[in-house]
PDB file of N, CA and C in Angstrom:
ATOM      1  N   MET A   1       0.880  -0.883   0.109  1.00  0.00           N
ATOM      2  CA  MET A   1       0.601   0.427  -0.039  1.00  0.00           C
ATOM      3  C   MET A   1       1.115   1.500  -0.333  1.00  0.00           C
ATOM      4  N   GLU A   2       0.908   2.120  -0.353  1.00  0.00           N
ATOM      5  CA  GLU A   2       1.380   2.869  -1.157  1.00  0.00           C
ATOM      6  C   GLU A   2       0.999   4.578   0.038  1.00  0.00           C
ATOM      7  N   LYS A   3       1.809   5.011   0.528  1.00  0.00           N
ATOM      8  CA  LYS A   3       1.868   5.973   1.352  1.00  0.00           C
ATOM      9  C   LYS A   3       1.652   7.709   1.154  1.00  0.00           C
ATOM     10  N   THR A   4       0.075   8.329   1.545  1.00  0.00           N
ATOM     11  CA  THR A   4      -0.155   8.978   0.900  1.00  0.00           C
ATOM     12  C   THR A   4      -0.306  10.593   1.953  1.00  0.00           C
ATOM     13  N   SER A   5       0.530  11.492   1.039  1.00  0.00           N
ATOM     14  CA  SER A   5       0.352  12.512   1.814  1.00  0.00           C
ATOM     15  C   SER A   5       0.227  14.110   1.181  1.00  0.00           C
ATOM     16  N   ARG A   6       0.698  14.828   1.993  1.00  0.00           N
ATOM     17  CA  ARG A   6       0.483  15.993   0.672  1.00  0.00           C
ATOM     18  C   ARG A   6       1.356  16.066   0.508  1.00  0.00           C
ATOM     19  N   THR A   7       0.970  17.122  -1.258  1.00  0.00           N
ATOM     20  CA  THR A   7       2.451  17.070  -1.766  1.00  0.00           C
ATOM     21  C   THR A   7       1.962  18.614  -2.662  1.00  0.00           C
ATOM     22  N   GLU A   8       3.108  19.191  -2.565  1.00  0.00           N
ATOM     23  CA  GLU A   8       3.273  19.809  -3.765  1.00  0.00           C
ATOM     24  C   GLU A   8       3.703  20.040  -5.043  1.00  0.00           C
ATOM     25  N   THR A   9       3.515  20.555  -6.114  1.00  0.00           N
ATOM     26  CA  THR A   9       4.601  20.099  -7.395  1.00  0.00           C
ATOM     27  C   THR A   9       4.635  21.701  -8.166  1.00  0.00           C
ATOM     28  N   LYS A  10       6.145  22.006  -8.175  1.00  0.00           N
ATOM     29  CA  LYS A  10       5.313  23.106  -9.352  1.00  0.00           C
ATOM     30  C   LYS A  10       5.474  22.606 -10.755  1.00  0.00           C
ATOM     31  N   ILE A  11       5.290  23.147 -11.834  1.00  0.00           N
ATOM     32  CA  ILE A  11       6.715  22.559 -12.890  1.00  0.00           C
ATOM     33  C   ILE A  11       5.953  23.956 -13.872  1.00  0.00           C
ATOM     34  N   ILE A  12       7.049  24.568 -14.088  1.00  0.00           N
ATOM     35  CA  ILE A  12       7.261  25.957 -15.389  1.00  0.00           C
ATOM     36  C   ILE A  12       7.617  25.625 -16.928  1.00  0.00           C
ATOM     37  N   ILE A  13       7.311  25.746 -17.752  1.00  0.00           N
ATOM     38  CA  ILE A  13       6.861  25.065 -18.777  1.00  0.00           C
ATOM     39  C   ILE A  13       6.938  26.725 -19.576  1.00  0.00           C
ATOM     40  N   VAL A  14       8.573  26.900 -20.180  1.00  0.00           N
ATOM     41  CA  VAL A  14       8.638  27.921 -20.836  1.00  0.00           C
ATOM     42  C   VAL A  14       8.221  27.891 -22.152  1.00  0.00           C
ATOM     43  N   CYS A  15       7.396  28.720 -22.284  1.00  0.00           N
ATOM     44  CA  CYS A  15       6.637  28.831 -24.063  1.00  0.00           C
ATOM     45  C   CYS A  15       7.705  29.895 -24.894  1.00  0.00           C
ATOM     46  N   GLU A  16       7.784  29.896 -26.413  1.00  0.00           N
ATOM     47  CA  GLU A  16       8.210  30.597 -27.667  1.00  0.00           C
ATOM     48  C   GLU A  16       7.641  32.211 -26.766  1.00  0.00           C
ATOM     49  N   ASP A  17       6.232  32.415 -26.200  1.00  0.00           N
ATOM     50  CA  ASP A  17       5.806  33.920 -25.846  1.00  0.00           C
ATOM     51  C   ASP A  17       4.690  33.481 -24.772  1.00  0.00           C
ATOM     52  N   SER A  18       3.921  34.820 -24.320  1.00  0.00           N
ATOM     53  CA  SER A  18       2.743  34.394 -23.310  1.00  0.00           C
ATOM     54  C   SER A  18       1.482  34.717 -24.353  1.00  0.00           C
ATOM     55  N   GLN A  19       1.328  34.189 -25.442  1.00  0.00           N
ATOM     56  CA  GLN A  19      -0.146  33.991 -26.428  1.00  0.00           C
ATOM     57  C   GLN A  19       0.468  32.274 -26.441  1.00  0.00           C
ATOM     58  N   THR A  20       1.696  31.643 -26.638  1.00  0.00           N
ATOM     59  CA  THR A  20       1.578  30.259 -26.291  1.00  0.00           C
ATOM     60  C   THR A  20       1.303  29.752 -25.057  1.00  0.00           C
ATOM     61  N   ALA A  21       1.887  30.493 -24.058  1.00  0.00           N
ATOM     62  CA  ALA A  21       1.294  30.284 -22.389  1.00  0.00           C
ATOM     63  C   ALA A  21      -0.030  29.898 -22.715  1.00  0.00           C
ATOM     64  N   LYS A  22      -0.716  31.389 -23.608  1.00  0.00           N
ATOM     65  CA  LYS A  22      -1.915  31.181 -22.363  1.00  0.00           C
ATOM     66  C   LYS A  22      -3.107  29.926 -23.438  1.00  0.00           C
ATOM     67  N   ILE A  23      -2.431  30.289 -24.912  1.00  0.00           N
ATOM     68  CA  ILE A  23      -3.389  28.786 -25.585  1.00  0.00           C
ATOM     69  C   ILE A  23      -3.036  27.081 -24.280  1.00  0.00           C
ATOM     70  N   ILE A  24      -2.034  27.034 -24.371  1.00  0.00           N
ATOM     71  CA  ILE A  24      -1.867  25.553 -23.503  1.00  0.00           C
ATOM     72  C   ILE A  24      -2.692  26.174 -22.322  1.00  0.00           C
ATOM     73  N   LYS A  25      -2.567  27.137 -21.551  1.00  0.00           N
ATOM     74  CA  LYS A  25      -3.190  26.865 -20.298  1.00  0.00           C
ATOM     75  C   LYS A  25      -4.355  27.086 -20.224  1.00  0.00           C
ATOM     76  N   ASP A  26      -5.327  27.163 -21.123  1.00  0.00           N
ATOM     77  CA  ASP A  26      -7.008  27.205 -21.816  1.00  0.00           C
ATOM     78  C   ASP A  26      -6.402  25.773 -21.774  1.00  0.00           C
ATOM     79  N   CYS A  27      -6.105  25.289 -22.959  1.00  0.00           N
ATOM     80  CA  CYS A  27      -6.514  24.144 -22.494  1.00  0.00           C
ATOM     81  C   CYS A  27      -6.774  23.028 -21.838  1.00  0.00           C
ATOM     82  N   LEU A  28      -5.969  23.256 -20.334  1.00  0.00           N
ATOM     83  CA  LEU A  28      -5.621  22.107 -19.490  1.00  0.00           C
ATOM     84  C   LEU A  28      -7.050  22.939 -18.997  1.00  0.00           C
ATOM     85  N   GLU A  29      -7.233  23.621 -18.663  1.00  0.00           N
ATOM     86  CA  GLU A  29      -8.656  24.160 -17.496  1.00  0.00           C
ATOM     87  C   GLU A  29      -9.749  23.229 -18.256  1.00  0.00           C
ATOM     88  N   PRO A  30     -10.062  22.379 -19.109  1.00  0.00           N
ATOM     89  CA  PRO A  30     -11.228  21.300 -19.316  1.00  0.00           C
ATOM     90  C   PRO A  30     -10.811  19.541 -18.436  1.00  0.00           C
ATOM     91  N   GLU A  31      -9.863  19.910 -18.184  1.00  0.00           N
ATOM     92  CA  GLU A  31      -9.340  18.896 -17.374  1.00  0.00           C
ATOM     93  C   GLU A  31      -9.095  19.459 -15.945  1.00  0.00           C
ATOM     94  N   ASN A  32      -8.908  20.488 -14.775  1.00  0.00           N
ATOM     95  CA  ASN A  32      -8.462  21.022 -13.852  1.00  0.00           C
ATOM     96  C   ASN A  32      -9.881  20.204 -13.333  1.00  0.00           C
ATOM     97  N   GLU A  33     -10.980  20.540 -14.247  1.00  0.00           N
ATOM     98  CA  GLU A  33     -12.500  20.692 -13.783  1.00  0.00           C
ATOM     99  C   GLU A  33     -12.877  19.341 -13.346  1.00  0.00           C
ATOM    100  N   LEU A  34     -12.149  18.024 -14.599  1.00  0.00           N
ATOM    101  CA  LEU A  34     -12.416  16.804 -13.752  1.00  0.00           C
ATOM    102  C   LEU A  34     -11.761  16.124 -12.609  1.00  0.00           C
ATOM    103  N   LEU A  35     -10.469  16.599 -12.045  1.00  0.00           N
ATOM    104  CA  LEU A  35     -10.241  16.670 -10.902  1.00  0.00           C
ATOM    105  C   LEU A  35     -11.386  15.989  -9.589  1.00  0.00           C
ATOM    106  N   ASP A  36     -10.954  15.417  -8.905  1.00  0.00           N
ATOM    107  CA  ASP A  36     -11.201  15.076  -7.641  1.00  0.00           C
ATOM    108  C   ASP A  36     -10.802  16.366  -6.135  1.00  0.00           C
ATOM    109  N   ASN A  37     -11.608  16.131  -5.376  1.00  0.00           N
ATOM    110  CA  ASN A  37     -11.663  16.951  -4.190  1.00  0.00           C
ATOM    111  C   ASN A  37     -10.354  17.082  -3.713  1.00  0.00           C
ATOM    112  N   LYS A  38      -9.311  16.320  -4.329  1.00  0.00           N
ATOM    113  CA  LYS A  38      -8.317  15.518  -3.219  1.00  0.00           C
ATOM    114  C   LYS A  38      -7.078  16.396  -4.234  1.00  0.00           C
ATOM    115  N   THR A  39      -7.398  16.929  -5.241  1.00  0.00           N
ATOM    116  CA  THR A  39      -6.599  17.101  -5.786  1.00  0.00           C
ATOM    117  C   THR A  39      -6.414  18.552  -6.680  1.00  0.00           C
ATOM    118  N   GLN A  40      -6.044  19.518  -6.192  1.00  0.00           N
ATOM    119  CA  GLN A  40      -5.885  21.011  -7.084  1.00  0.00           C
ATOM    120  C   GLN A  40      -5.020  21.625  -7.810  1.00  0.00           C
ATOM    121  N   ILE A  41      -5.167  22.219  -9.213  1.00  0.00           N
ATOM    122  CA  ILE A  41      -4.173  22.423  -9.558  1.00  0.00           C
ATOM    123  C   ILE A  41      -5.177  23.852 -10.394  1.00  0.00           C
ATOM    124  N   ILE A  42      -3.791  24.932  -9.760  1.00  0.00           N
ATOM    125  CA  ILE A  42      -3.272  26.208 -10.755  1.00  0.00           C
ATOM    126  C   ILE A  42      -2.920  26.861 -11.342  1.00  0.00           C
ATOM    127  N   SER A  43      -2.643  27.245 -12.255  1.00  0.00           N
ATOM    128  CA  SER A  43      -2.113  27.802 -13.454  1.00  0.00           C
ATOM    129  C   SER A  43      -2.105  29.339 -14.100  1.00  0.00           C
ATOM    130  N   THR A  44      -0.739  29.746 -13.636  1.00  0.00           N
ATOM    131  CA  THR A  44      -1.144  31.213 -13.798  1.00  0.00           C
ATOM    132  C   THR A  44       0.370  31.288 -15.425  1.00  0.00           C
ATOM    133  N   VAL A  45       0.287  32.402 -16.065  1.00  0.00           N
ATOM    134  CA  VAL A  45       1.229  32.813 -17.338  1.00  0.00           C
ATOM    135  C   VAL A  45       1.692  33.818 -16.341  1.00  0.00           C
ATOM    136  N   LYS A  46       3.022  33.792 -17.117  1.00  0.00           N
ATOM    137  CA  LYS A  46       4.093  35.175 -16.380  1.00  0.00           C
ATOM    138  C   LYS A  46       4.699  35.268 -17.510  1.00  0.00           C
ATOM    139  N   GLU A  47       4.687  35.972 -18.337  1.00  0.00           N
ATOM    140  CA  GLU A  47       5.459  36.396 -19.228  1.00  0.00           C
ATOM    141  C   GLU A  47       5.447  35.341 -20.220  1.00  0.00           C
ATOM    142  N   ASN A  48       6.005  34.819 -20.901  1.00  0.00           N
ATOM    143  CA  ASN A  48       6.109  33.413 -21.595  1.00  0.00           C
ATOM    144  C   ASN A  48       6.438  31.991 -21.140  1.00  0.00           C
ATOM    145  N   ASN A  49       6.243  32.355 -19.518  1.00  0.00           N
ATOM    146  CA  ASN A  49       6.229  30.989 -18.788  1.00  0.00           C
ATOM    147  C   ASN A  49       4.782  30.732 -18.436  1.00  0.00           C
ATOM    148  N   LEU A  50       4.516  29.844 -17.921  1.00  0.00           N
ATOM    149  CA  LEU A  50       3.112  28.877 -17.796  1.00  0.00           C
ATOM    150  C   LEU A  50       3.835  28.299 -16.709  1.00  0.00           C
ATOM    151  N   GLU A  51       2.903  28.483 -15.270  1.00  0.00           N
ATOM    152  CA  GLU A  51       3.073  27.830 -14.085  1.00  0.00           C
ATOM    153  C   GLU A  51       2.385  27.123 -13.785  1.00  0.00           C
ATOM    154  N   ILE A  52       3.013  25.717 -13.777  1.00  0.00           N
ATOM    155  CA  ILE A  52       2.038  24.846 -13.126  1.00  0.00           C
ATOM    156  C   ILE A  52       1.650  24.400 -11.800  1.00  0.00           C
ATOM    157  N   ILE A  53       0.922  25.370 -10.096  1.00  0.00           N
ATOM    158  CA  ILE A  53       0.900  24.426  -8.785  1.00  0.00           C
ATOM    159  C   ILE A  53       0.293  22.965  -9.050  1.00  0.00           C
ATOM    160  N   ILE A  54       0.513  22.167  -8.322  1.00  0.00           N
ATOM    161  CA  ILE A  54      -0.530  20.984  -7.878  1.00  0.00           C
ATOM    162  C   ILE A  54      -0.342  20.404  -6.397  1.00  0.00           C
ATOM    163  N   TYR A  55      -1.034  20.773  -5.977  1.00  0.00           N
ATOM    164  CA  TYR A  55      -1.558  20.476  -4.819  1.00  0.00           C
ATOM    165  C   TYR A  55      -2.415  19.215  -4.366  1.00  0.00           C
ATOM    166  N   SER A  56      -1.738  17.978  -3.785  1.00  0.00           N
ATOM    167  CA  SER A  56      -2.320  17.115  -3.755  1.00  0.00           C
ATOM    168  C   SER A  56      -2.214  15.893  -2.341  1.00  0.00           C
ATOM    169  N   THR A  57      -2.832  15.612  -2.137  1.00  0.00           N
ATOM    170  CA  THR A  57      -3.186  14.136  -0.539  1.00  0.00           C
ATOM    171  C   THR A  57      -3.422  12.913  -1.733  1.00  0.00           C
ATOM    172  N   THR A  58      -3.234  12.602  -2.202  1.00  0.00           N
ATOM    173  CA  THR A  58      -3.718  11.734  -3.620  1.00  0.00           C
ATOM    174  C   THR A  58      -2.166  10.831  -3.248  1.00  0.00           C
ATOM    175  N   SER A  59      -2.576   9.629  -3.805  1.00  0.00           N
ATOM    176  CA  SER A  59      -1.252   8.500  -3.413  1.00  0.00           C
ATOM    177  C   SER A  59       0.331   9.036  -4.744  1.00  0.00           C
ATOM    178  N   ILE A  60       1.317   9.201  -4.258  1.00  0.00           N
ATOM    179  CA  ILE A  60       2.499   9.203  -5.391  1.00  0.00           C
ATOM    180  C   ILE A  60       1.934   8.913  -6.422  1.00  0.00           C
ATOM    181  N   SER A  61       2.015   7.766  -6.772  1.00  0.00           N
ATOM    182  CA  SER A  61       1.256   7.335  -8.220  1.00  0.00           C
ATOM    183  C   SER A  61       0.096   7.695  -8.877  1.00  0.00           C
ATOM    184  N   SER A  62      -0.870   8.261  -8.328  1.00  0.00           N
ATOM    185  CA  SER A  62      -1.926   9.008  -8.615  1.00  0.00           C
ATOM    186  C   SER A  62      -1.371  10.584  -9.013  1.00  0.00           C
ATOM    187  N   LEU A  63      -0.288  10.888  -8.029  1.00  0.00           N
ATOM    188  CA  LEU A  63       0.104  12.173  -8.774  1.00  0.00           C
ATOM    189  C   LEU A  63       1.200  11.657 -10.162  1.00  0.00           C
ATOM    190  N   ARG A  64       1.537  11.113 -10.146  1.00  0.00           N
ATOM    191  CA  ARG A  64       2.133  10.646 -11.221  1.00  0.00           C
ATOM    192  C   ARG A  64       1.166  10.696 -12.688  1.00  0.00           C
ATOM    193  N   ASN A  65       0.291  10.633 -12.305  1.00  0.00           N
ATOM    194  CA  ASN A  65      -1.077   9.789 -13.671  1.00  0.00           C
ATOM    195  C   ASN A  65      -1.472  11.338 -13.923  1.00  0.00           C
ATOM    196  N   THR A  66      -1.700  12.670 -12.926  1.00  0.00           N
ATOM    197  CA  THR A  66      -1.831  13.584 -13.163  1.00  0.00           C
ATOM    198  C   THR A  66      -0.222  14.260 -13.956  1.00  0.00           C
ATOM    199  N   ILE A  67       0.212  14.227 -13.431  1.00  0.00           N
ATOM    200  CA  ILE A  67       1.249  14.830 -14.630  1.00  0.00           C
ATOM    201  C   ILE A  67       1.727  14.615 -15.844  1.00  0.00           C
ATOM    202  N   ASP A  68       1.297  13.103 -15.593  1.00  0.00           N
ATOM    203  CA  ASP A  68       1.543  12.834 -17.459  1.00  0.00           C
ATOM    204  C   ASP A  68       0.400  13.030 -17.849  1.00  0.00           C
ATOM    205  N   ASP A  69      -0.926  13.458 -17.618  1.00  0.00           N
ATOM    206  CA  ASP A  69      -2.242  13.610 -18.483  1.00  0.00           C
ATOM    207  C   ASP A  69      -1.185  15.206 -18.476  1.00  0.00           C
ATOM    208  N   ILE A  70      -1.206  16.509 -18.135  1.00  0.00           N
ATOM    209  CA  ILE A  70      -0.554  17.319 -18.038  1.00  0.00           C
ATOM    210  C   ILE A  70       0.075  17.590 -19.237  1.00  0.00           C
ATOM    211  N   PHE A  71       1.561  16.919 -19.253  1.00  0.00           N
ATOM    212  CA  PHE A  71       2.089  16.805 -20.179  1.00  0.00           C
ATOM    213  C   PHE A  71       1.448  16.389 -21.482  1.00  0.00           C
ATOM    214  N   HIS A  72       0.915  15.408 -21.440  1.00  0.00           N
ATOM    215  CA  HIS A  72      -0.103  14.846 -22.734  1.00  0.00           C
ATOM    216  C   HIS A  72      -0.989  15.979 -23.295  1.00  0.00           C
ATOM    217  N   THR A  73      -1.196  16.629 -22.728  1.00  0.00           N
ATOM    218  CA  THR A  73      -2.011  17.525 -23.172  1.00  0.00           C
ATOM    219  C   THR A  73      -1.824  18.944 -23.534  1.00  0.00           C
ATOM    220  N   ILE A  74      -0.044  19.551 -23.258  1.00  0.00           N
ATOM    221  CA  ILE A  74       0.505  19.670 -23.628  1.00  0.00           C
ATOM    222  C   ILE A  74       1.352  19.560 -24.523  1.00  0.00           C
ATOM    223  N   ARG A  75       1.043  18.095 -24.808  1.00  0.00           N
ATOM    224  CA  ARG A  75       2.637  17.861 -26.223  1.00  0.00           C
ATOM    225  C   ARG A  75       1.088  18.363 -26.990  1.00  0.00           C
ATOM    226  N   LEU A  76      -0.114  17.910 -27.446  1.00  0.00           N
ATOM    227  CA  LEU A  76      -1.363  18.081 -28.186  1.00  0.00           C
ATOM    228  C   LEU A  76      -1.487  19.572 -28.191  1.00  0.00           C
ATOM    229  N   ALA A  77      -1.319  20.197 -27.594  1.00  0.00           N
ATOM    230  CA  ALA A  77      -1.601  21.868 -27.655  1.00  0.00           C
ATOM    231  C   ALA A  77      -0.536  21.819 -28.661  1.00  0.00           C
ATOM    232  N   GLU A  78       0.018  21.290 -28.453  1.00  0.00           N
ATOM    233  CA  GLU A  78       2.099  21.988 -28.785  1.00  0.00           C
ATOM    234  C   GLU A  78       2.036  21.199 -30.264  1.00  0.00           C
ATOM    235  N   ASN A  79       1.178  20.057 -30.904  1.00  0.00           N
ATOM    236  CA  ASN A  79       1.047  19.721 -31.913  1.00  0.00           C
ATOM    237  C   ASN A  79       0.375  20.619 -32.966  1.00  0.00           C
ATOM    238  N   VAL A  80      -0.750  21.050 -32.350  1.00  0.00           N
ATOM    239  CA  VAL A  80      -1.765  21.741 -32.719  1.00  0.00           C
ATOM    240  C   VAL A  80      -0.924  22.963 -33.408  1.00  0.00           C
ATOM    241  N   LEU A  81      -0.474  24.008 -32.395  1.00  0.00           N
ATOM    242  CA  LEU A  81      -0.332  25.016 -32.677  1.00  0.00           C
ATOM    243  C   LEU A  81       1.154  25.079 -33.972  1.00  0.00           C
ATOM    244  N   LEU A  82       1.718  24.095 -33.931  1.00  0.00           N
ATOM    245  CA  LEU A  82       2.755  23.684 -34.861  1.00  0.00           C
ATOM    246  C   LEU A  82       2.109  23.332 -36.118  1.00  0.00           C
ATOM    247  N   LYS A  83       1.048  22.693 -36.601  1.00  0.00           N
ATOM    248  CA  LYS A  83       0.418  22.510 -37.577  1.00  0.00           C
ATOM    249  C   LYS A  83       0.173  23.739 -38.059  1.00  0.00           C
ATOM    250  N   THR A  84      -0.909  24.379 -36.911  1.00  0.00           N
ATOM    251  CA  THR A  84      -1.819  25.424 -37.625  1.00  0.00           C
ATOM    252  C   THR A  84      -0.260  26.503 -38.253  1.00  0.00           C
ATOM    253  N   GLU A  85       0.980  26.583 -37.799  1.00  0.00           N
ATOM    254  CA  GLU A  85       1.657  27.577 -38.395  1.00  0.00           C
ATOM    255  C   GLU A  85       2.588  27.062 -39.589  1.00  0.00           C
ATOM    256  N   ARG A  86       2.490  26.204 -40.058  1.00  0.00           N
ATOM    257  CA  ARG A  86       2.942  25.259 -40.750  1.00  0.00           C
ATOM    258  C   ARG A  86       2.046  25.266 -42.100  1.00  0.00           C
ATOM    259  N   GLU A  87       0.582  25.210 -41.738  1.00  0.00           N
ATOM    260  CA  GLU A  87      -0.544  25.843 -42.973  1.00  0.00           C
ATOM    261  C   GLU A  87      -0.374  27.264 -43.018  1.00  0.00           C
ATOM    262  N   THR A  88      -0.219  28.475 -42.365  1.00  0.00           N
ATOM    263  CA  THR A  88      -0.748  29.154 -42.563  1.00  0.00           C
ATOM    264  C   THR A  88       0.750  30.746 -43.189  1.00  0.00           C
TER     265      THR A  88
END
């Protein structure tokens, strides 16, 4: 059985510009609404940085899954942005 404790995880994603950071933040918002009451995610944009803070009392494996989901969503957003840039 995994030990559960309160964790605070901070992730900073450095984007090309503030607009890209805002787009990625907006892409993450719907996923954040699906979280249970044991996990809270706060994301802010500061210049071209997207700062994500995760507060959680879930197990480490659950936290790891949440972080994996965040990175997956970021990668999807990046792919869409790159594809859009190539088409214009």
